[in-house]
Amino acid sequence: MKEEAFEMGQLVCSTAGRDKDTLYLILKVGDNNCLWVADGTNRRVENPKKKNIKHLKILPHVSGLVNEKINAGERVNNADIQRSIAEYKEQNMDLFD
């Protein structure tokens, strides 16, 4: 997958590992097809998880708040990530029954 296929603050879902089915937001693009992701709860901004892109499902939702903060060079906090994931779940409740 090319780097241009996703944005900072884009929602992803883990498809493998102990955290399978966990929603994360992309915080940073690493090298060798890796992304740094956080959910604001178990994986916080201070300690994001390094995930291989092939173990993630890229969802079409981008958190405007997190994306704007990252692009402006502002600090993203855990509450921003938690709020963005909660809003997505609320808008897509049928997917999380």
Foldseek 3Di string as FASTA:
>chain_A
DDPVVDAAQFWKAFCDDPRHRDIWGFHADDPPQWTFTAQLPPAFPVHTDIDHNVRIGTDPDGLPVRRVCVVVVHDDGSVSNNVSVVVVCVVPVVVVD
